[in-house]
Amino acid sequence: MLNLLNTKARNCRIVYASSKIVYGIYGFNCCLGNCEHDYNIMNVEEVAKHFHDNKIGTSNCPEWQDTRQLNIRELDNQRTIYANTKLANESLIRKYCPNFKIVRIWDIV
């Protein structure tokens, strides 16, 4: 990511697909712990719409997910590495690219 951002790409619009894993949530869950409610997983077409706007910043996909608290302490080693990679790339994008959108995707079918 840093190599990409050290080129002229930093002057472009960067849309980065991140993940709900940065909240410590994985699998087909929408909450930490056991979910006790219905959760509608988005299809590819619905998720793709989140990549085609001019918003700058970080957003959840789906937008109704208002989770903002990062918490990767309870993840196993493999998921911790994945979450840290996502967070590191997000941080680099925020630092080097003024025109960015980070989409934290929950689940896709």
N, C-alpha and C. Protein backbone atom coordinates (compact mmCIF):
# COMPACT_ATOMS: atom_id res chain seq x y z
N MET A 1 0.83 -1.19 0.00
CA MET A 1 0.00 0.00 0.00
C MET A 1 0.87 1.25 0.00
N LEU A 2 1.90 1.24 0.80
CA LEU A 2 2.78 2.41 0.87
C LEU A 2 3.45 2.67 -0.48
N ASN A 3 3.86 1.62 -1.17
CA ASN A 3 4.45 1.80 -2.50
C ASN A 3 3.45 2.44 -3.46
N LEU A 4 2.21 2.01 -3.40
CA LEU A 4 1.17 2.60 -4.24
C LEU A 4 0.97 4.07 -3.90
N LEU A 5 0.91 4.37 -2.62
CA LEU A 5 0.65 5.74 -2.18
C LEU A 5 1.85 6.67 -2.40
N ASN A 6 3.01 6.13 -2.60
CA ASN A 6 4.20 6.94 -2.89
C ASN A 6 4.33 7.26 -4.37
N THR A 7 3.35 6.88 -5.16
CA THR A 7 3.33 7.22 -6.58
C THR A 7 2.29 8.32 -6.80
N LYS A 8 2.00 8.59 -8.05
CA LYS A 8 0.98 9.58 -8.37
C LYS A 8 -0.41 9.12 -7.95
N ALA A 9 -0.55 7.88 -7.54
CA ALA A 9 -1.85 7.36 -7.12
C ALA A 9 -2.41 8.13 -5.94
N ARG A 10 -1.53 8.73 -5.14
CA ARG A 10 -2.03 9.48 -3.97
C ARG A 10 -2.88 10.67 -4.41
N ASN A 11 -2.73 11.11 -5.66
CA ASN A 11 -3.53 12.22 -6.16
C ASN A 11 -4.84 11.75 -6.80
N CYS A 12 -5.05 10.46 -6.82
CA CYS A 12 -6.27 9.90 -7.38
C CYS A 12 -7.28 9.63 -6.26
N ARG A 13 -8.45 9.24 -6.64
CA ARG A 13 -9.45 8.78 -5.68
C ARG A 13 -9.14 7.33 -5.35
N ILE A 14 -8.99 7.03 -4.08
CA ILE A 14 -8.75 5.66 -3.65
C ILE A 14 -9.96 5.20 -2.86
N VAL A 15 -10.53 4.08 -3.29
CA VAL A 15 -11.62 3.44 -2.55
C VAL A 15 -11.08 2.09 -2.10
N TYR A 16 -11.03 1.91 -0.79
CA TYR A 16 -10.41 0.72 -0.20
C TYR A 16 -11.47 -0.15 0.46
N ALA A 17 -11.47 -1.42 0.11
CA ALA A 17 -12.39 -2.38 0.72
C ALA A 17 -11.77 -2.92 1.99
N SER A 18 -12.31 -2.49 3.12
CA SER A 18 -11.86 -3.00 4.40
C SER A 18 -12.88 -4.04 4.89
N SER A 19 -12.91 -4.28 6.19
CA SER A 19 -13.72 -5.38 6.69
C SER A 19 -14.24 -5.10 8.09
N LYS A 20 -15.34 -5.75 8.44
CA LYS A 20 -15.88 -5.66 9.79
C LYS A 20 -14.95 -6.31 10.81
N ILE A 21 -13.96 -7.05 10.36
CA ILE A 21 -13.02 -7.71 11.27
C ILE A 21 -12.32 -6.71 12.18
N VAL A 22 -12.20 -5.44 11.74
CA VAL A 22 -11.52 -4.43 12.56
C VAL A 22 -12.31 -4.12 13.84
N TYR A 23 -13.58 -4.52 13.87
CA TYR A 23 -14.39 -4.37 15.08
C TYR A 23 -14.36 -5.64 15.93
N GLY A 24 -13.61 -6.64 15.48
CA GLY A 24 -13.55 -7.91 16.19
C GLY A 24 -14.70 -8.84 15.83
N ILE A 25 -15.42 -8.51 14.76
CA ILE A 25 -16.58 -9.29 14.34
C ILE A 25 -16.20 -10.09 13.09
N TYR A 26 -16.51 -11.37 13.09
CA TYR A 26 -16.20 -12.20 11.93
C TYR A 26 -17.28 -13.26 11.76
N GLY A 27 -17.21 -13.98 10.66
CA GLY A 27 -18.25 -14.95 10.35
C GLY A 27 -19.50 -14.20 9.92
N PHE A 28 -20.63 -14.89 9.93
CA PHE A 28 -21.88 -14.26 9.52
C PHE A 28 -22.60 -13.66 10.72
N ASN A 29 -21.87 -12.90 11.52
CA ASN A 29 -22.43 -12.19 12.67
C ASN A 29 -22.44 -10.71 12.37
N CYS A 30 -23.34 -10.01 13.02
CA CYS A 30 -23.36 -8.56 12.87
C CYS A 30 -23.09 -7.87 14.21
N CYS A 31 -22.82 -8.67 15.23
CA CYS A 31 -22.55 -8.14 16.57
C CYS A 31 -21.40 -8.92 17.19
N LEU A 32 -20.78 -8.33 18.18
CA LEU A 32 -19.82 -9.10 18.97
C LEU A 32 -20.61 -10.12 19.77
N GLY A 33 -20.07 -11.30 19.91
CA GLY A 33 -20.80 -12.34 20.64
C GLY A 33 -21.84 -12.97 19.75
N ASN A 34 -22.81 -13.60 20.36
CA ASN A 34 -23.87 -14.28 19.61
C ASN A 34 -24.96 -13.31 19.23
N CYS A 35 -25.30 -13.29 17.95
CA CYS A 35 -26.41 -12.45 17.48
C CYS A 35 -27.73 -13.17 17.75
N GLU A 36 -28.69 -12.42 18.23
CA GLU A 36 -30.00 -13.00 18.54
C GLU A 36 -31.09 -12.36 17.68
N HIS A 37 -30.73 -11.74 16.58
CA HIS A 37 -31.71 -11.08 15.73
C HIS A 37 -31.43 -11.39 14.26
N ASP A 38 -32.38 -11.07 13.41
CA ASP A 38 -32.21 -11.30 11.97
C ASP A 38 -31.17 -10.36 11.40
N TYR A 39 -30.42 -10.86 10.46
CA TYR A 39 -29.36 -10.09 9.82
C TYR A 39 -29.40 -10.40 8.34
N ASN A 40 -29.75 -9.41 7.52
CA ASN A 40 -29.82 -9.59 6.08
C ASN A 40 -28.47 -9.28 5.45
N ILE A 41 -27.86 -10.28 4.87
CA ILE A 41 -26.57 -10.12 4.22
C ILE A 41 -26.79 -9.49 2.85
N MET A 42 -25.94 -8.52 2.51
CA MET A 42 -26.08 -7.79 1.25
C MET A 42 -25.53 -8.60 0.07
N ASN A 43 -26.13 -8.39 -1.10
CA ASN A 43 -25.58 -9.05 -2.29
C ASN A 43 -24.53 -8.12 -2.94
N VAL A 44 -23.84 -8.63 -3.91
CA VAL A 44 -22.73 -7.91 -4.54
C VAL A 44 -23.19 -6.58 -5.13
N GLU A 45 -24.34 -6.56 -5.77
CA GLU A 45 -24.84 -5.32 -6.38
C GLU A 45 -25.09 -4.24 -5.33
N GLU A 46 -25.63 -4.63 -4.17
CA GLU A 46 -25.88 -3.67 -3.10
C GLU A 46 -24.57 -3.12 -2.54
N VAL A 47 -23.59 -3.99 -2.36
CA VAL A 47 -22.29 -3.56 -1.84
C VAL A 47 -21.60 -2.65 -2.84
N ALA A 48 -21.68 -2.97 -4.12
CA ALA A 48 -21.00 -2.17 -5.16
C ALA A 48 -21.46 -0.72 -5.16
N LYS A 49 -22.70 -0.47 -4.79
CA LYS A 49 -23.22 0.90 -4.75
C LYS A 49 -22.43 1.78 -3.78
N HIS A 50 -21.85 1.19 -2.77
CA HIS A 50 -21.09 1.95 -1.77
C HIS A 50 -19.74 2.43 -2.31
N PHE A 51 -19.34 1.93 -3.46
CA PHE A 51 -18.07 2.31 -4.06
C PHE A 51 -18.23 3.43 -5.09
N HIS A 52 -19.47 3.79 -5.40
CA HIS A 52 -19.73 4.74 -6.48
C HIS A 52 -20.34 6.05 -6.00
N ASP A 53 -19.72 6.67 -5.03
CA ASP A 53 -20.16 7.99 -4.60
C ASP A 53 -18.93 8.84 -4.33
N ASN A 54 -19.13 10.07 -3.99
CA ASN A 54 -18.01 10.99 -3.76
C ASN A 54 -17.72 11.24 -2.29
N LYS A 55 -18.30 10.44 -1.41
CA LYS A 55 -18.06 10.62 0.02
C LYS A 55 -16.59 10.37 0.35
N ILE A 56 -16.10 11.15 1.29
CA ILE A 56 -14.73 10.97 1.77
C ILE A 56 -14.80 10.50 3.22
N GLY A 57 -13.96 9.53 3.55
CA GLY A 57 -13.91 9.03 4.91
C GLY A 57 -14.18 7.54 4.97
N THR A 58 -14.56 7.09 6.16
CA THR A 58 -14.78 5.68 6.42
C THR A 58 -16.26 5.43 6.64
N SER A 59 -16.78 4.37 6.02
CA SER A 59 -18.18 4.04 6.21
C SER A 59 -18.36 2.54 6.35
N ASN A 60 -19.42 2.18 7.03
CA ASN A 60 -19.80 0.77 7.15
C ASN A 60 -20.71 0.41 5.99
N CYS A 61 -20.61 -0.83 5.59
CA CYS A 61 -21.46 -1.35 4.53
C CYS A 61 -22.03 -2.67 5.02
N PRO A 62 -23.25 -2.66 5.54
CA PRO A 62 -24.33 -1.71 5.35
C PRO A 62 -24.22 -0.50 6.28
N GLU A 63 -24.79 0.59 5.81
CA GLU A 63 -24.70 1.85 6.55
C GLU A 63 -25.43 1.81 7.89
N TRP A 64 -26.45 0.97 8.02
CA TRP A 64 -27.19 0.92 9.28
C TRP A 64 -26.33 0.39 10.42
N GLN A 65 -25.22 -0.26 10.09
CA GLN A 65 -24.32 -0.73 11.13
C GLN A 65 -23.56 0.46 11.67
N ASP A 66 -23.87 0.85 12.87
CA ASP A 66 -23.28 2.05 13.45
C ASP A 66 -22.07 1.73 14.34
N THR A 67 -21.53 0.54 14.22
CA THR A 67 -20.39 0.15 15.04
C THR A 67 -19.19 1.01 14.69
N ARG A 68 -18.51 1.51 15.70
CA ARG A 68 -17.33 2.34 15.48
C ARG A 68 -16.16 1.94 16.37
N GLN A 69 -16.43 1.13 17.35
CA GLN A 69 -15.41 0.75 18.33
C GLN A 69 -14.52 -0.35 17.77
N LEU A 70 -13.24 -0.03 17.57
CA LEU A 70 -12.29 -1.04 17.12
C LEU A 70 -11.94 -1.94 18.30
N ASN A 71 -11.94 -3.25 18.05
CA ASN A 71 -11.64 -4.18 19.13
C ASN A 71 -11.21 -5.51 18.54
N ILE A 72 -9.90 -5.70 18.43
CA ILE A 72 -9.40 -6.95 17.85
C ILE A 72 -8.72 -7.83 18.90
N ARG A 73 -8.84 -7.48 20.16
CA ARG A 73 -8.15 -8.21 21.23
C ARG A 73 -8.59 -9.67 21.37
N GLU A 74 -9.82 -9.97 21.04
CA GLU A 74 -10.35 -11.32 21.23
C GLU A 74 -10.18 -12.23 20.01
N LEU A 75 -9.60 -11.72 18.94
CA LEU A 75 -9.45 -12.50 17.72
C LEU A 75 -8.31 -13.50 17.84
N ASP A 76 -8.40 -14.60 17.10
CA ASP A 76 -7.29 -15.55 17.06
C ASP A 76 -6.16 -14.95 16.22
N ASN A 77 -5.01 -15.61 16.18
CA ASN A 77 -3.82 -15.05 15.52
C ASN A 77 -4.06 -14.73 14.05
N GLN A 78 -4.67 -15.64 13.32
CA GLN A 78 -4.89 -15.43 11.89
C GLN A 78 -5.77 -14.21 11.65
N ARG A 79 -6.86 -14.10 12.40
CA ARG A 79 -7.76 -12.95 12.22
C ARG A 79 -7.12 -11.66 12.71
N THR A 80 -6.29 -11.74 13.73
CA THR A 80 -5.60 -10.55 14.23
C THR A 80 -4.66 -9.99 13.17
N ILE A 81 -3.94 -10.87 12.49
CA ILE A 81 -3.04 -10.43 11.41
C ILE A 81 -3.85 -9.76 10.30
N TYR A 82 -4.96 -10.37 9.92
CA TYR A 82 -5.81 -9.81 8.86
C TYR A 82 -6.35 -8.44 9.29
N ALA A 83 -6.87 -8.34 10.50
CA ALA A 83 -7.42 -7.07 11.00
C ALA A 83 -6.35 -5.99 11.07
N ASN A 84 -5.16 -6.33 11.56
CA ASN A 84 -4.08 -5.35 11.63
C ASN A 84 -3.64 -4.89 10.25
N THR A 85 -3.65 -5.77 9.28
CA THR A 85 -3.31 -5.39 7.90
C THR A 85 -4.35 -4.40 7.37
N LYS A 86 -5.62 -4.68 7.60
CA LYS A 86 -6.67 -3.75 7.16
C LYS A 86 -6.50 -2.39 7.84
N LEU A 87 -6.27 -2.38 9.15
CA LEU A 87 -6.13 -1.12 9.89
C LEU A 87 -4.89 -0.35 9.45
N ALA A 88 -3.79 -1.05 9.19
CA ALA A 88 -2.57 -0.38 8.73
C ALA A 88 -2.80 0.27 7.37
N ASN A 89 -3.44 -0.44 6.45
CA ASN A 89 -3.72 0.13 5.14
C ASN A 89 -4.68 1.32 5.24
N GLU A 90 -5.69 1.21 6.09
CA GLU A 90 -6.60 2.34 6.30
C GLU A 90 -5.83 3.57 6.79
N SER A 91 -4.94 3.36 7.73
CA SER A 91 -4.16 4.46 8.29
C SER A 91 -3.27 5.12 7.23
N LEU A 92 -2.63 4.31 6.41
CA LEU A 92 -1.79 4.86 5.34
C LEU A 92 -2.62 5.66 4.34
N ILE A 93 -3.77 5.15 4.00
CA ILE A 93 -4.63 5.85 3.05
C ILE A 93 -5.07 7.19 3.62
N ARG A 94 -5.48 7.20 4.89
CA ARG A 94 -5.90 8.47 5.51
C ARG A 94 -4.75 9.48 5.54
N LYS A 95 -3.54 8.99 5.77
CA LYS A 95 -2.38 9.88 5.89
C LYS A 95 -1.93 10.45 4.55
N TYR A 96 -1.94 9.64 3.51
CA TYR A 96 -1.32 10.04 2.25
C TYR A 96 -2.28 10.44 1.13
N CYS A 97 -3.55 10.11 1.27
CA CYS A 97 -4.49 10.36 0.17
C CYS A 97 -5.64 11.24 0.64
N PRO A 98 -5.74 12.46 0.14
CA PRO A 98 -6.82 13.34 0.59
C PRO A 98 -8.20 12.96 0.03
N ASN A 99 -8.24 12.22 -1.06
CA ASN A 99 -9.51 11.86 -1.69
C ASN A 99 -9.70 10.35 -1.58
N PHE A 100 -10.21 9.91 -0.44
CA PHE A 100 -10.32 8.47 -0.19
C PHE A 100 -11.69 8.12 0.36
N LYS A 101 -12.04 6.86 0.18
CA LYS A 101 -13.19 6.28 0.86
C LYS A 101 -12.79 4.88 1.30
N ILE A 102 -13.00 4.61 2.57
CA ILE A 102 -12.75 3.28 3.12
C ILE A 102 -14.11 2.68 3.41
N VAL A 103 -14.39 1.54 2.81
CA VAL A 103 -15.67 0.86 2.98
C VAL A 103 -15.44 -0.40 3.80
N ARG A 104 -15.93 -0.40 5.03
CA ARG A 104 -15.81 -1.58 5.89
C ARG A 104 -17.00 -2.48 5.61
N ILE A 105 -16.75 -3.52 4.82
CA ILE A 105 -17.78 -4.42 4.35
C ILE A 105 -18.06 -5.48 5.41
N TRP A 106 -19.34 -5.73 5.62
CA TRP A 106 -19.74 -6.73 6.60
C TRP A 106 -19.82 -8.10 5.94
N ASP A 107 -20.78 -8.37 5.15
CA ASP A 107 -20.89 -9.67 4.51
C ASP A 107 -21.50 -9.52 3.13
N ILE A 108 -21.11 -10.42 2.22
CA ILE A 108 -21.61 -10.39 0.85
C ILE A 108 -22.05 -11.81 0.48
N VAL A 109 -23.17 -11.90 -0.21
CA VAL A 109 -23.58 -13.20 -0.76
C VAL A 109 -23.59 -13.12 -2.27
